[in-house]
Each structure stands twice: as structure tokens, then as C-alpha cells.
Protein backbone atom coordinates (compact mmCIF):
# COMPACT_ATOMS: atom_id res chain seq x y z
CA MET A 1 102.67 10.01 127.20
CA TYR A 2 99.19 8.66 127.11
CA SER A 3 96.27 10.32 128.75
CA PHE A 4 94.21 8.57 131.37
CA SER A 5 91.01 8.75 129.28
CA ALA A 6 92.71 7.07 126.30
CA LEU A 7 93.93 4.31 128.61
CA VAL A 8 90.42 3.78 130.04
CA ILE A 9 88.82 3.73 126.56
CA THR A 10 91.44 1.25 125.30
CA GLY A 11 90.86 -0.96 128.33
CA LEU A 12 87.07 -0.93 127.80
CA LEU A 13 87.47 -1.75 124.10
CA CYS A 14 89.76 -4.66 124.94
CA LEU A 15 87.28 -5.88 127.55
CA LEU A 16 84.34 -5.68 125.14
CA SER A 17 86.25 -7.35 122.32
CA GLY A 18 87.39 -10.14 124.69
CA ALA A 19 83.81 -10.66 125.85
CA ALA A 20 82.60 -10.78 122.22
CA ILE A 21 85.30 -13.30 121.27
CA GLY A 22 84.46 -15.38 124.37
CA ALA A 23 80.76 -15.33 123.48
CA VAL A 24 81.50 -16.47 119.92
CA VAL A 25 83.78 -19.27 121.15
CA LEU A 26 81.18 -20.35 123.71
CA TYR A 27 78.46 -20.32 121.04
CA VAL A 28 80.56 -22.45 118.69
CA PHE A 29 81.58 -25.01 121.30
CA ARG A 30 78.28 -24.95 123.23
CA THR A 31 76.79 -27.71 121.08
CA GLN A 32 79.75 -29.95 121.79
CA ILE A 33 79.63 -29.30 125.53
CA LEU A 34 75.86 -29.69 125.82
CA GLY A 35 75.84 -32.56 123.31
CA ARG A 36 78.13 -34.63 125.50
CA ASP A 37 75.91 -34.03 128.53
CA LEU A 38 72.75 -34.94 126.60
CA GLU A 39 74.41 -37.99 125.10
CA GLN A 40 75.52 -39.17 128.53
CA ARG A 41 72.02 -38.69 129.95
CA LEU A 42 70.56 -40.54 126.96
CA HIS A 43 72.87 -43.51 127.53
CA GLU A 44 71.95 -43.57 131.23
CA ALA A 45 68.24 -43.50 130.37
CA GLU A 46 68.64 -46.30 127.81
CA SER A 47 70.56 -48.48 130.25
CA SER A 48 67.94 -47.83 132.93
CA LEU A 49 65.16 -48.77 130.49
CA GLN A 50 66.96 -51.95 129.45
CA GLY A 51 67.44 -52.91 133.11
CA TYR A 52 63.75 -52.31 133.76
CA GLN A 53 62.78 -54.42 130.74
CA ARG A 54 65.03 -57.23 131.96
CA ASP A 55 63.42 -57.06 135.39
CA VAL A 56 59.92 -57.20 133.89
CA ALA A 57 60.82 -60.15 131.66
CA GLU A 58 62.39 -61.97 134.62
CA HIS A 59 59.32 -61.26 136.76
CA PHE A 60 56.89 -62.68 134.21
CA SER A 61 59.12 -65.67 133.56
CA GLN A 62 59.23 -66.47 137.27
CA THR A 63 55.45 -65.90 137.57
CA SER A 64 54.86 -68.31 134.70
CA GLN A 65 57.04 -70.93 136.34
CA LEU A 66 55.24 -70.52 139.67
CA VAL A 67 51.82 -70.84 138.01
CA ASN A 68 52.99 -74.02 136.27
CA ASN A 69 54.19 -75.38 139.62
CA LEU A 70 50.86 -74.47 141.21
CA THR A 71 48.94 -76.24 138.44
CA SER A 72 51.09 -79.32 138.83
CA ALA A 73 50.59 -79.33 142.61
CA TYR A 74 46.83 -78.90 142.18
CA ARG A 75 46.74 -81.83 139.76
CA GLU A 76 48.73 -84.00 142.23
CA VAL A 77 46.37 -83.07 145.10
CA HIS A 78 43.33 -83.87 142.94
CA GLU A 79 44.78 -87.24 141.92
CA HIS A 80 45.62 -88.03 145.55
CA LEU A 81 42.07 -87.21 146.66
CA ALA A 82 40.60 -89.23 143.80
CA ASP A 83 42.79 -92.24 144.63
CA GLY A 84 41.87 -91.98 148.30
CA ALA A 85 38.17 -91.70 147.47
CA LEU A 86 38.37 -94.73 145.17
CA LYS A 87 40.04 -96.79 147.88
CA LEU A 88 37.97 -95.59 150.81
CA ALA A 89 34.51 -94.87 149.37
CA THR A 90 31.71 -97.13 148.19
CA PRO A 91 31.64 -98.17 144.52
CA ALA A 92 28.71 -95.82 143.75
CA ILE A 93 30.54 -92.80 145.14
CA SER A 94 33.72 -93.87 143.37
CA ARG A 95 31.83 -94.03 140.07
CA LYS A 96 30.45 -90.50 140.64
CA ILE A 97 33.93 -89.18 141.39
CA LEU A 98 35.33 -90.77 138.23
CA ASP A 99 32.44 -89.40 136.15
CA SER A 100 32.95 -85.88 137.49
CA ALA A 101 36.70 -86.08 136.87
CA ASN A 102 36.11 -87.31 133.31
CA THR A 103 33.55 -84.55 132.74
CA ASN A 104 36.03 -81.88 133.81
CA LEU A 105 38.85 -83.33 131.76
CA SER A 106 36.90 -84.02 128.57
CA GLY A 107 35.67 -80.46 128.17
CA SER A 108 32.00 -81.30 128.41
CA THR A 109 31.62 -78.39 130.80
CA LYS A 110 32.01 -76.22 127.73
CA ALA A 111 29.06 -78.00 126.13
CA TYR A 112 27.11 -77.59 129.37
CA ILE A 113 27.70 -73.84 129.34
CA SER A 114 26.66 -73.54 125.70
CA GLU A 115 23.45 -75.50 126.42
CA GLN A 116 22.39 -73.04 129.09
CA ARG A 117 19.90 -70.46 127.97
CA ILE A 118 21.28 -66.97 128.43
CA GLU A 119 18.73 -64.22 128.87
CA PRO A 120 19.11 -60.46 129.07
CA PRO A 121 18.53 -58.91 132.49
CA ARG A 122 14.92 -58.59 133.50
CA ASP A 123 13.21 -55.50 134.75
CA TRP A 124 12.69 -56.32 138.42
CA ALA A 125 11.56 -52.82 139.42
CA PRO A 126 8.03 -52.84 140.85
CA LYS A 127 5.50 -51.41 138.44
CA ALA A 128 1.79 -51.31 137.81
CA PRO A 129 0.50 -53.79 135.22
CA GLY A 130 0.98 -52.33 131.75
CA ALA A 131 3.31 -49.55 133.00
CA LYS A 132 6.87 -49.13 131.75
CA GLY A 133 9.59 -50.44 133.99
CA ALA A 134 12.64 -48.61 135.35
CA LEU A 135 14.88 -50.20 132.71
CA SER A 136 12.68 -48.98 129.86
CA GLU A 137 14.37 -46.47 127.57
CA ASP A 138 11.65 -43.87 128.02
CA TYR A 139 11.15 -44.39 131.76
CA ASP A 140 10.18 -41.22 133.62
CA LEU A 141 10.10 -39.08 130.47
CA ARG A 142 7.01 -36.93 130.43
CA ASP A 143 5.57 -34.40 128.03
CA ASP A 144 4.24 -32.22 130.84
CA HIS A 145 7.50 -30.58 131.96
CA HIS A 146 5.67 -27.45 133.16
CA ASP A 147 3.80 -29.24 135.90
CA ALA A 148 3.39 -27.07 139.01
CA THR A 149 3.96 -30.01 141.36
CA HIS A 150 7.61 -30.18 140.39
CA LEU A 151 8.59 -26.66 141.42
CA PRO A 152 11.66 -26.48 143.62
CA THR A 153 10.93 -26.00 147.29
CA GLU A 154 14.40 -24.70 148.12
CA SER A 155 16.56 -21.94 146.75
CA ALA A 156 20.21 -21.01 146.99
CA ASP A 157 19.30 -18.58 149.79
CA ASP A 158 18.29 -21.54 151.95
CA TYR A 159 21.91 -22.75 152.13
CA ASP A 160 24.81 -21.28 154.05
CA PHE A 161 27.73 -21.97 151.72
CA ASP A 162 30.41 -20.04 153.54
CA GLY A 163 29.37 -20.99 157.07
CA LYS A 164 29.35 -17.39 158.36
CA THR A 165 25.66 -16.88 159.01
CA SER A 166 23.35 -18.74 161.33
CA ARG A 167 19.75 -18.88 160.16
CA TYR A 168 18.33 -20.89 163.08
């Protein structure tokens, strides 16, 4: 008959060969198994993105409609106030109201803005006559960097960074 050691060695060889065959089969079919999972996750992500894009488009469409409604309501309120002012106010005030409405509608406010003189910001910092202001490009730049009056009066030893010592 067979010896026990031959039986154990045969069993181990069968186990190792089965594990090797299983590893090869798993390696070959791994791409198919993982590919399906990745493909499913990709489809879920695409559908989620499309849903989000639909929601964004719907949001901006509704916002546009609401802004149009607001503009229309503003126009109706303005017309109502103008009609009431024309009926209830004196002719001089009515003429002023009509002129201001025509000015706003004709776009002459654009011409008014372009007629204004636009200036760069002024240097409002207080300064001595003839001195450079705080907005000057070379403000506070000196050649005498070794001036003894600008020595630091404090050092790192003056501060308690860790909070463990009490100096006073």
C-alpha cells in the first residue's frame, strides 16, 4: 500500500496545483468581474451627473422666468405711480415726472455717465507741502537703512510663546 508521507506529499501537490489553477482562472476573469462593477458605477455616475445638469438647467430657467415677472411687475408699478402722479399732481410736477421717465427710457442716462469726468483716486493722506504722499510709489523708501533710531526694542526673549514662564 501507500505510505503516509506519499499521501501527504500528493495531497499538498494537489492543493498547490488547485490554488495555482484557481489563481490563473481568477486572473483571467478578474477583468470581467471588475469591469462590470466599474461599468455599473460609471453608469450611475453619468445618470447622477445628467440629473444634476437637468436640475441646474431647470433652476436657471425658473430664475429667468421669475426675473422677467419681477421686471414686468416693476414696470406696472412704475406706470401706476406715473398715472397717479399725472392725475393727482400739478402740471409742473407732472411734466417733471414725464421728463424723468423719458430720460430713463431713452438711454440718455448712458450719455450722462459718459459726460462725467472720471478721475483717478487722489492722495488724501496728510503730508507736508512738497512731500510725497502715502500713495506715491516710493513712499517711505529711504536710502539710510542703517539708521540707529530704527533698532528693534524687543527680542524673542521678551515673549512667552509656550505660556510656561511668568516674567512679571
